[in-house]
């Protein structure tokens, strides 16, 4: 019991201590001179745009789904009130 009384305050004190801060797994650090900021900005925007293009739904799929939903609702009716 005495061990518990001694260990508990030590445990609680360590819980209040600052945790080491680590960057997220996908993060990276980049040191750039001020003269190259515009190039780095354009490179980052280019990468973001490419990620957006990979993740987005193609317009054909969106149109086909909308047409399919319209015909399904037209043939089967909807559950909503009018």
PDB file of N, CA and C in Angstrom:
ATOM      1  N   UNK A   1       0.818  -1.193   0.000  1.00  0.00           N
ATOM      2  CA  UNK A   1       0.000   0.000   0.000  1.00  0.00           C
ATOM      3  C   UNK A   1       0.857   1.249   0.000  1.00  0.00           C
ATOM      4  N   UNK A   2       1.982   1.196   0.730  1.00  0.00           N
ATOM      5  CA  UNK A   2       2.866   2.355   0.799  1.00  0.00           C
ATOM      6  C   UNK A   2       3.479   2.619  -0.575  1.00  0.00           C
ATOM      7  N   UNK A   3       3.823   1.565  -1.302  1.00  0.00           N
ATOM      8  CA  UNK A   3       4.353   1.732  -2.654  1.00  0.00           C
ATOM      9  C   UNK A   3       3.356   2.463  -3.539  1.00  0.00           C
ATOM     10  N   UNK A   4       2.085   2.097  -3.431  1.00  0.00           N
ATOM     11  CA  UNK A   4       1.041   2.728  -4.228  1.00  0.00           C
ATOM     12  C   UNK A   4       0.942   4.218  -3.917  1.00  0.00           C
ATOM     13  N   UNK A   5       1.051   4.567  -2.648  1.00  0.00           N
ATOM     14  CA  UNK A   5       0.965   5.966  -2.224  1.00  0.00           C
ATOM     15  C   UNK A   5       2.164   6.750  -2.757  1.00  0.00           C
ATOM     16  N   UNK A   6       3.313   6.130  -2.842  1.00  0.00           N
ATOM     17  CA  UNK A   6       4.509   6.813  -3.335  1.00  0.00           C
ATOM     18  C   UNK A   6       4.503   6.878  -4.859  1.00  0.00           C
ATOM     19  N   UNK A   7       4.078   5.839  -5.521  1.00  0.00           N
ATOM     20  CA  UNK A   7       4.131   5.771  -6.981  1.00  0.00           C
ATOM     21  C   UNK A   7       3.036   6.605  -7.619  1.00  0.00           C
ATOM     22  N   UNK A   8       1.864   6.674  -7.027  1.00  0.00           N
ATOM     23  CA  UNK A   8       0.749   7.412  -7.628  1.00  0.00           C
ATOM     24  C   UNK A   8       1.065   8.888  -7.862  1.00  0.00           C
ATOM     25  N   UNK A   9       1.592   9.646  -6.889  1.00  0.00           N
ATOM     26  CA  UNK A   9       1.916  11.050  -7.173  1.00  0.00           C
ATOM     27  C   UNK A   9       2.987  11.199  -8.263  1.00  0.00           C
ATOM     28  N   UNK A  10       3.948  10.301  -8.281  1.00  0.00           N
ATOM     29  CA  UNK A  10       4.989  10.373  -9.316  1.00  0.00           C
ATOM     30  C   UNK A  10       4.375  10.131 -10.687  1.00  0.00           C
ATOM     31  N   UNK A  11       3.462   9.180 -10.760  1.00  0.00           N
ATOM     32  CA  UNK A  11       2.797   8.885 -12.025  1.00  0.00           C
ATOM     33  C   UNK A  11       1.975  10.076 -12.495  1.00  0.00           C
ATOM     34  N   UNK A  12       1.234  10.701 -11.582  1.00  0.00           N
ATOM     35  CA  UNK A  12       0.414  11.849 -11.942  1.00  0.00           C
ATOM     36  C   UNK A  12       1.272  13.035 -12.366  1.00  0.00           C
ATOM     37  N   UNK A  13       2.418  13.227 -11.746  1.00  0.00           N
ATOM     38  CA  UNK A  13       3.310  14.317 -12.139  1.00  0.00           C
ATOM     39  C   UNK A  13       3.885  14.095 -13.533  1.00  0.00           C
ATOM     40  N   UNK A  14       4.202  12.878 -13.856  1.00  0.00           N
ATOM     41  CA  UNK A  14       4.739  12.612 -15.190  1.00  0.00           C
ATOM     42  C   UNK A  14       3.669  12.773 -16.257  1.00  0.00           C
ATOM     43  N   UNK A  15       2.415  12.572 -15.894  1.00  0.00           N
ATOM     44  CA  UNK A  15       1.342  12.779 -16.864  1.00  0.00           C
ATOM     45  C   UNK A  15       1.190  14.251 -17.200  1.00  0.00           C
ATOM     46  N   UNK A  16       1.546  15.147 -16.288  1.00  0.00           N
ATOM     47  CA  UNK A  16       1.397  16.583 -16.517  1.00  0.00           C
ATOM     48  C   UNK A  16       2.588  17.175 -17.259  1.00  0.00           C
ATOM     49  N   UNK A  17       3.632  16.429 -17.439  1.00  0.00           N
ATOM     50  CA  UNK A  17       4.824  16.942 -18.120  1.00  0.00           C
ATOM     51  C   UNK A  17       4.548  17.101 -19.607  1.00  0.00           C
ATOM     52  N   UNK A  18       5.321  17.968 -20.244  1.00  0.00           N
ATOM     53  CA  UNK A  18       5.162  18.185 -21.680  1.00  0.00           C
ATOM     54  C   UNK A  18       5.559  16.932 -22.441  1.00  0.00           C
ATOM     55  N   UNK A  19       4.767  16.625 -23.435  1.00  0.00           N
ATOM     56  CA  UNK A  19       5.072  15.477 -24.295  1.00  0.00           C
ATOM     57  C   UNK A  19       5.989  15.942 -25.418  1.00  0.00           C
ATOM     58  N   UNK A  20       6.889  15.094 -25.872  1.00  0.00           N
ATOM     59  CA  UNK A  20       7.734  15.490 -26.996  1.00  0.00           C
ATOM     60  C   UNK A  20       6.880  15.657 -28.258  1.00  0.00           C
ATOM     61  N   UNK A  21       7.141  16.707 -28.982  1.00  0.00           N
ATOM     62  CA  UNK A  21       6.355  17.001 -30.173  1.00  0.00           C
ATOM     63  C   UNK A  21       7.078  16.431 -31.387  1.00  0.00           C
ATOM     64  N   UNK A  22       6.385  15.615 -32.125  1.00  0.00           N
ATOM     65  CA  UNK A  22       6.951  15.052 -33.345  1.00  0.00           C
ATOM     66  C   UNK A  22       6.066  15.448 -34.511  1.00  0.00           C
ATOM     67  N   UNK A  23       6.664  15.695 -35.660  1.00  0.00           N
ATOM     68  CA  UNK A  23       5.851  16.070 -36.823  1.00  0.00           C
ATOM     69  C   UNK A  23       5.025  14.878 -37.305  1.00  0.00           C
ATOM     70  N   UNK A  24       3.931  15.132 -38.000  1.00  0.00           N
ATOM     71  CA  UNK A  24       3.131  14.036 -38.554  1.00  0.00           C
ATOM     72  C   UNK A  24       3.959  13.196 -39.525  1.00  0.00           C
ATOM     73  N   UNK A  25       3.477  12.003 -39.795  1.00  0.00           N
ATOM     74  CA  UNK A  25       4.238  11.055 -40.611  1.00  0.00           C
ATOM     75  C   UNK A  25       4.492  11.580 -42.016  1.00  0.00           C
ATOM     76  N   UNK A  26       3.542  12.294 -42.607  1.00  0.00           N
ATOM     77  CA  UNK A  26       3.705  12.754 -43.978  1.00  0.00           C
ATOM     78  C   UNK A  26       4.340  14.126 -44.102  1.00  0.00           C
ATOM     79  N   UNK A  27       4.727  14.741 -42.970  1.00  0.00           N
ATOM     80  CA  UNK A  27       5.253  16.104 -43.005  1.00  0.00           C
ATOM     81  C   UNK A  27       6.736  16.103 -43.375  1.00  0.00           C
ATOM     82  N   UNK A  28       7.161  17.196 -43.945  1.00  0.00           N
ATOM     83  CA  UNK A  28       8.571  17.384 -44.220  1.00  0.00           C
ATOM     84  C   UNK A  28       8.905  18.842 -43.997  1.00  0.00           C
ATOM     85  N   UNK A  29      10.164  19.093 -43.665  1.00  0.00           N
ATOM     86  CA  UNK A  29      10.603  20.461 -43.446  1.00  0.00           C
ATOM     87  C   UNK A  29      11.393  20.919 -44.655  1.00  0.00           C
ATOM     88  N   UNK A  30      11.246  22.197 -44.961  1.00  0.00           N
ATOM     89  CA  UNK A  30      11.897  22.736 -46.141  1.00  0.00           C
ATOM     90  C   UNK A  30      12.416  24.120 -45.815  1.00  0.00           C
ATOM     91  N   UNK A  31      13.728  24.314 -45.955  1.00  0.00           N
ATOM     92  CA  UNK A  31      14.318  25.624 -45.741  1.00  0.00           C
ATOM     93  C   UNK A  31      14.606  26.234 -47.104  1.00  0.00           C
ATOM     94  N   UNK A  32      14.029  27.405 -47.336  1.00  0.00           N
ATOM     95  CA  UNK A  32      14.136  28.038 -48.639  1.00  0.00           C
ATOM     96  C   UNK A  32      14.505  29.504 -48.448  1.00  0.00           C
ATOM     97  N   UNK A  33      15.347  29.998 -49.325  1.00  0.00           N
ATOM     98  CA  UNK A  33      15.680  31.416 -49.290  1.00  0.00           C
ATOM     99  C   UNK A  33      14.490  32.221 -49.800  1.00  0.00           C
ATOM    100  N   UNK A  34      14.443  33.489 -49.408  1.00  0.00           N
ATOM    101  CA  UNK A  34      13.326  34.339 -49.799  1.00  0.00           C
ATOM    102  C   UNK A  34      13.207  34.497 -51.305  1.00  0.00           C
ATOM    103  N   UNK A  35      14.303  34.414 -52.017  1.00  0.00           N
ATOM    104  CA  UNK A  35      14.257  34.603 -53.463  1.00  0.00           C
ATOM    105  C   UNK A  35      13.569  33.441 -54.171  1.00  0.00           C
ATOM    106  N   UNK A  36      13.448  32.303 -53.528  1.00  0.00           N
ATOM    107  CA  UNK A  36      12.864  31.113 -54.156  1.00  0.00           C
ATOM    108  C   UNK A  36      11.450  30.806 -53.658  1.00  0.00           C
ATOM    109  N   UNK A  37      10.864  31.697 -52.862  1.00  0.00           N
ATOM    110  CA  UNK A  37       9.546  31.437 -52.297  1.00  0.00           C
ATOM    111  C   UNK A  37       8.492  31.262 -53.368  1.00  0.00           C
ATOM    112  N   UNK A  38       8.537  32.054 -54.420  1.00  0.00           N
ATOM    113  CA  UNK A  38       7.506  31.939 -55.445  1.00  0.00           C
ATOM    114  C   UNK A  38       7.584  30.600 -56.169  1.00  0.00           C
ATOM    115  N   UNK A  39       8.789  30.099 -56.389  1.00  0.00           N
ATOM    116  CA  UNK A  39       8.944  28.795 -57.040  1.00  0.00           C
ATOM    117  C   UNK A  39       8.432  27.673 -56.140  1.00  0.00           C
ATOM    118  N   UNK A  40       8.723  27.772 -54.854  1.00  0.00           N
ATOM    119  CA  UNK A  40       8.266  26.755 -53.910  1.00  0.00           C
ATOM    120  C   UNK A  40       6.741  26.799 -53.808  1.00  0.00           C
ATOM    121  N   UNK A  41       6.163  28.008 -53.770  1.00  0.00           N
ATOM    122  CA  UNK A  41       4.721  28.145 -53.706  1.00  0.00           C
ATOM    123  C   UNK A  41       4.058  27.492 -54.913  1.00  0.00           C
ATOM    124  N   UNK A  42       4.598  27.743 -56.113  1.00  0.00           N
ATOM    125  CA  UNK A  42       4.026  27.148 -57.323  1.00  0.00           C
ATOM    126  C   UNK A  42       4.186  25.633 -57.326  1.00  0.00           C
ATOM    127  N   UNK A  43       5.306  25.147 -56.810  1.00  0.00           N
ATOM    128  CA  UNK A  43       5.512  23.696 -56.740  1.00  0.00           C
ATOM    129  C   UNK A  43       4.507  23.048 -55.792  1.00  0.00           C
ATOM    130  N   UNK A  44       4.256  23.693 -54.649  1.00  0.00           N
ATOM    131  CA  UNK A  44       3.296  23.145 -53.691  1.00  0.00           C
ATOM    132  C   UNK A  44       1.892  23.176 -54.277  1.00  0.00           C
ATOM    133  N   UNK A  45       1.526  24.268 -54.948  1.00  0.00           N
ATOM    134  CA  UNK A  45       0.211  24.342 -55.579  1.00  0.00           C
ATOM    135  C   UNK A  45       0.062  23.286 -56.672  1.00  0.00           C
ATOM    136  N   UNK A  46       1.119  23.026 -57.409  1.00  0.00           N
ATOM    137  CA  UNK A  46       1.102  21.995 -58.448  1.00  0.00           C
ATOM    138  C   UNK A  46       0.845  20.624 -57.828  1.00  0.00           C
ATOM    139  N   UNK A  47       1.522  20.332 -56.714  1.00  0.00           N
ATOM    140  CA  UNK A  47       1.324  19.047 -56.035  1.00  0.00           C
ATOM    141  C   UNK A  47      -0.093  18.924 -55.486  1.00  0.00           C
ATOM    142  N   UNK A  48      -0.616  20.007 -54.904  1.00  0.00           N
ATOM    143  CA  UNK A  48      -1.986  19.977 -54.382  1.00  0.00           C
ATOM    144  C   UNK A  48      -2.994  19.748 -55.502  1.00  0.00           C
ATOM    145  N   UNK A  49      -2.773  20.399 -56.641  1.00  0.00           N
ATOM    146  CA  UNK A  49      -3.688  20.246 -57.772  1.00  0.00           C
ATOM    147  C   UNK A  49      -3.677  18.811 -58.286  1.00  0.00           C
ATOM    148  N   UNK A  50      -2.502  18.206 -58.352  1.00  0.00           N
ATOM    149  CA  UNK A  50      -2.416  16.816 -58.817  1.00  0.00           C
ATOM    150  C   UNK A  50      -3.101  15.866 -57.842  1.00  0.00           C
ATOM    151  N   UNK A  51      -2.964  16.109 -56.538  1.00  0.00           N
ATOM    152  CA  UNK A  51      -3.658  15.274 -55.566  1.00  0.00           C
ATOM    153  C   UNK A  51      -5.164  15.441 -55.702  1.00  0.00           C
ATOM    154  N   UNK A  52      -5.609  16.668 -55.947  1.00  0.00           N
ATOM    155  CA  UNK A  52      -7.031  16.917 -56.145  1.00  0.00           C
ATOM    156  C   UNK A  52      -7.548  16.176 -57.370  1.00  0.00           C
ATOM    157  N   UNK A  53      -6.783  16.203 -58.462  1.00  0.00           N
ATOM    158  CA  UNK A  53      -7.212  15.525 -59.684  1.00  0.00           C
ATOM    159  C   UNK A  53      -7.302  14.016 -59.484  1.00  0.00           C
ATOM    160  N   UNK A  54      -6.418  13.444 -58.667  1.00  0.00           N
ATOM    161  CA  UNK A  54      -6.452  12.005 -58.418  1.00  0.00           C
ATOM    162  C   UNK A  54      -7.668  11.607 -57.582  1.00  0.00           C
ATOM    163  N   UNK A  55      -8.069  12.466 -56.630  1.00  0.00           N
ATOM    164  CA  UNK A  55      -9.134  12.111 -55.696  1.00  0.00           C
ATOM    165  C   UNK A  55     -10.531  12.445 -56.200  1.00  0.00           C
ATOM    166  N   UNK A  56     -10.647  13.364 -57.139  1.00  0.00           N
ATOM    167  CA  UNK A  56     -11.972  13.816 -57.540  1.00  0.00           C
ATOM    168  C   UNK A  56     -12.712  12.754 -58.364  1.00  0.00           C
ATOM    169  N   UNK A  57     -14.008  12.861 -58.364  1.00  0.00           N
ATOM    170  CA  UNK A  57     -14.855  11.963 -59.127  1.00  0.00           C
ATOM    171  C   UNK A  57     -14.958  12.494 -60.556  1.00  0.00           C
ATOM    172  N   UNK A  58     -14.912  11.616 -61.519  1.00  0.00           N
ATOM    173  CA  UNK A  58     -14.966  12.067 -62.909  1.00  0.00           C
ATOM    174  C   UNK A  58     -16.361  12.618 -63.225  1.00  0.00           C
ATOM    175  N   UNK A  59     -16.442  13.627 -64.091  1.00  0.00           N
ATOM    176  CA  UNK A  59     -17.747  14.204 -64.428  1.00  0.00           C
ATOM    177  C   UNK A  59     -18.704  13.187 -65.051  1.00  0.00           C
ATOM    178  N   UNK A  60     -18.184  12.240 -65.806  1.00  0.00           N
ATOM    179  CA  UNK A  60     -19.042  11.229 -66.414  1.00  0.00           C
ATOM    180  C   UNK A  60     -19.750  10.407 -65.344  1.00  0.00           C
ATOM    181  N   UNK A  61     -19.021  10.042 -64.294  1.00  0.00           N
ATOM    182  CA  UNK A  61     -19.627   9.261 -63.217  1.00  0.00           C
ATOM    183  C   UNK A  61     -20.711  10.052 -62.497  1.00  0.00           C
ATOM    184  N   UNK A  62     -20.455  11.322 -62.273  1.00  0.00           N
ATOM    185  CA  UNK A  62     -21.429  12.157 -61.579  1.00  0.00           C
ATOM    186  C   UNK A  62     -22.700  12.286 -62.406  1.00  0.00           C
ATOM    187  N   UNK A  63     -22.545  12.544 -63.703  1.00  0.00           N
ATOM    188  CA  UNK A  63     -23.711  12.698 -64.581  1.00  0.00           C
ATOM    189  C   UNK A  63     -24.486  11.385 -64.680  1.00  0.00           C
ATOM    190  N   UNK A  64     -23.785  10.270 -64.863  1.00  0.00           N
ATOM    191  CA  UNK A  64     -24.459   8.972 -64.954  1.00  0.00           C
ATOM    192  C   UNK A  64     -25.200   8.629 -63.665  1.00  0.00           C
ATOM    193  N   UNK A  65     -24.612   8.929 -62.514  1.00  0.00           N
ATOM    194  CA  UNK A  65     -25.287   8.666 -61.239  1.00  0.00           C
ATOM    195  C   UNK A  65     -26.529   9.539 -61.087  1.00  0.00           C
ATOM    196  N   UNK A  66     -26.432  10.799 -61.502  1.00  0.00           N
ATOM    197  CA  UNK A  66     -27.581  11.697 -61.392  1.00  0.00           C
ATOM    198  C   UNK A  66     -28.723  11.227 -62.293  1.00  0.00           C
ATOM    199  N   UNK A  67     -28.389  10.820 -63.513  1.00  0.00           N
ATOM    200  CA  UNK A  67     -29.416  10.331 -64.430  1.00  0.00           C
ATOM    201  C   UNK A  67     -30.039   9.047 -63.893  1.00  0.00           C
ATOM    202  N   UNK A  68     -29.220   8.153 -63.375  1.00  0.00           N
ATOM    203  CA  UNK A  68     -29.735   6.911 -62.799  1.00  0.00           C
ATOM    204  C   UNK A  68     -30.638   7.165 -61.613  1.00  0.00           C
ATOM    205  N   UNK A  69     -30.264   8.092 -60.739  1.00  0.00           N
ATOM    206  CA  UNK A  69     -31.105   8.436 -59.590  1.00  0.00           C
ATOM    207  C   UNK A  69     -32.424   9.044 -60.045  1.00  0.00           C
ATOM    208  N   UNK A  70     -32.369   9.885 -61.076  1.00  0.00           N
ATOM    209  CA  UNK A  70     -33.591  10.522 -61.570  1.00  0.00           C
ATOM    210  C   UNK A  70     -34.556   9.473 -62.111  1.00  0.00           C
ATOM    211  N   UNK A  71     -34.035   8.546 -62.936  1.00  0.00           N
ATOM    212  CA  UNK A  71     -34.910   7.526 -63.511  1.00  0.00           C
ATOM    213  C   UNK A  71     -35.428   6.575 -62.447  1.00  0.00           C
ATOM    214  N   UNK A  72     -34.606   6.241 -61.450  1.00  0.00           N
ATOM    215  CA  UNK A  72     -35.054   5.350 -60.380  1.00  0.00           C
ATOM    216  C   UNK A  72     -36.191   6.015 -59.608  1.00  0.00           C
ATOM    217  N   UNK A  73     -36.031   7.307 -59.308  1.00  0.00           N
ATOM    218  CA  UNK A  73     -37.070   8.009 -58.560  1.00  0.00           C
ATOM    219  C   UNK A  73     -38.327   8.176 -59.411  1.00  0.00           C
ATOM    220  N   UNK A  74     -38.170   8.367 -60.715  1.00  0.00           N
ATOM    221  CA  UNK A  74     -39.308   8.521 -61.615  1.00  0.00           C
ATOM    222  C   UNK A  74     -40.104   7.219 -61.702  1.00  0.00           C
ATOM    223  N   UNK A  75     -39.392   6.073 -61.791  1.00  0.00           N
ATOM    224  CA  UNK A  75     -40.060   4.783 -61.924  1.00  0.00           C
ATOM    225  C   UNK A  75     -40.615   4.267 -60.594  1.00  0.00           C
ATOM    226  N   UNK A  76     -39.863   4.443 -59.502  1.00  0.00           N
ATOM    227  CA  UNK A  76     -40.251   3.864 -58.229  1.00  0.00           C
ATOM    228  C   UNK A  76     -40.874   4.843 -57.255  1.00  0.00           C
ATOM    229  N   UNK A  77     -40.853   6.101 -57.580  1.00  0.00           N
ATOM    230  CA  UNK A  77     -41.372   7.116 -56.657  1.00  0.00           C
ATOM    231  C   UNK A  77     -40.367   7.424 -55.571  1.00  0.00           C
ATOM    232  N   UNK A  78     -40.658   8.447 -54.821  1.00  0.00           N
ATOM    233  CA  UNK A  78     -39.752   8.811 -53.723  1.00  0.00           C
ATOM    234  C   UNK A  78     -40.467   8.624 -52.398  1.00  0.00           C
ATOM    235  N   UNK A  79     -39.694   8.549 -51.337  1.00  0.00           N
ATOM    236  CA  UNK A  79     -40.263   8.368 -50.006  1.00  0.00           C
ATOM    237  C   UNK A  79     -40.642   9.690 -49.349  1.00  0.00           C
ATOM    238  N   UNK A  80     -40.224  10.786 -49.946  1.00  0.00           N
ATOM    239  CA  UNK A  80     -40.473  12.094 -49.347  1.00  0.00           C
ATOM    240  C   UNK A  80     -41.885  12.574 -49.630  1.00  0.00           C
ATOM    241  N   UNK A  81     -42.340  13.475 -48.782  1.00  0.00           N
ATOM    242  CA  UNK A  81     -43.665  14.054 -48.988  1.00  0.00           C
ATOM    243  C   UNK A  81     -43.562  15.229 -49.960  1.00  0.00           C
ATOM    244  N   UNK A  82     -44.647  15.527 -50.654  1.00  0.00           N
ATOM    245  CA  UNK A  82     -44.642  16.634 -51.587  1.00  0.00           C
ATOM    246  C   UNK A  82     -45.390  17.815 -51.036  1.00  0.00           C
TER     247      UNK A  82
END
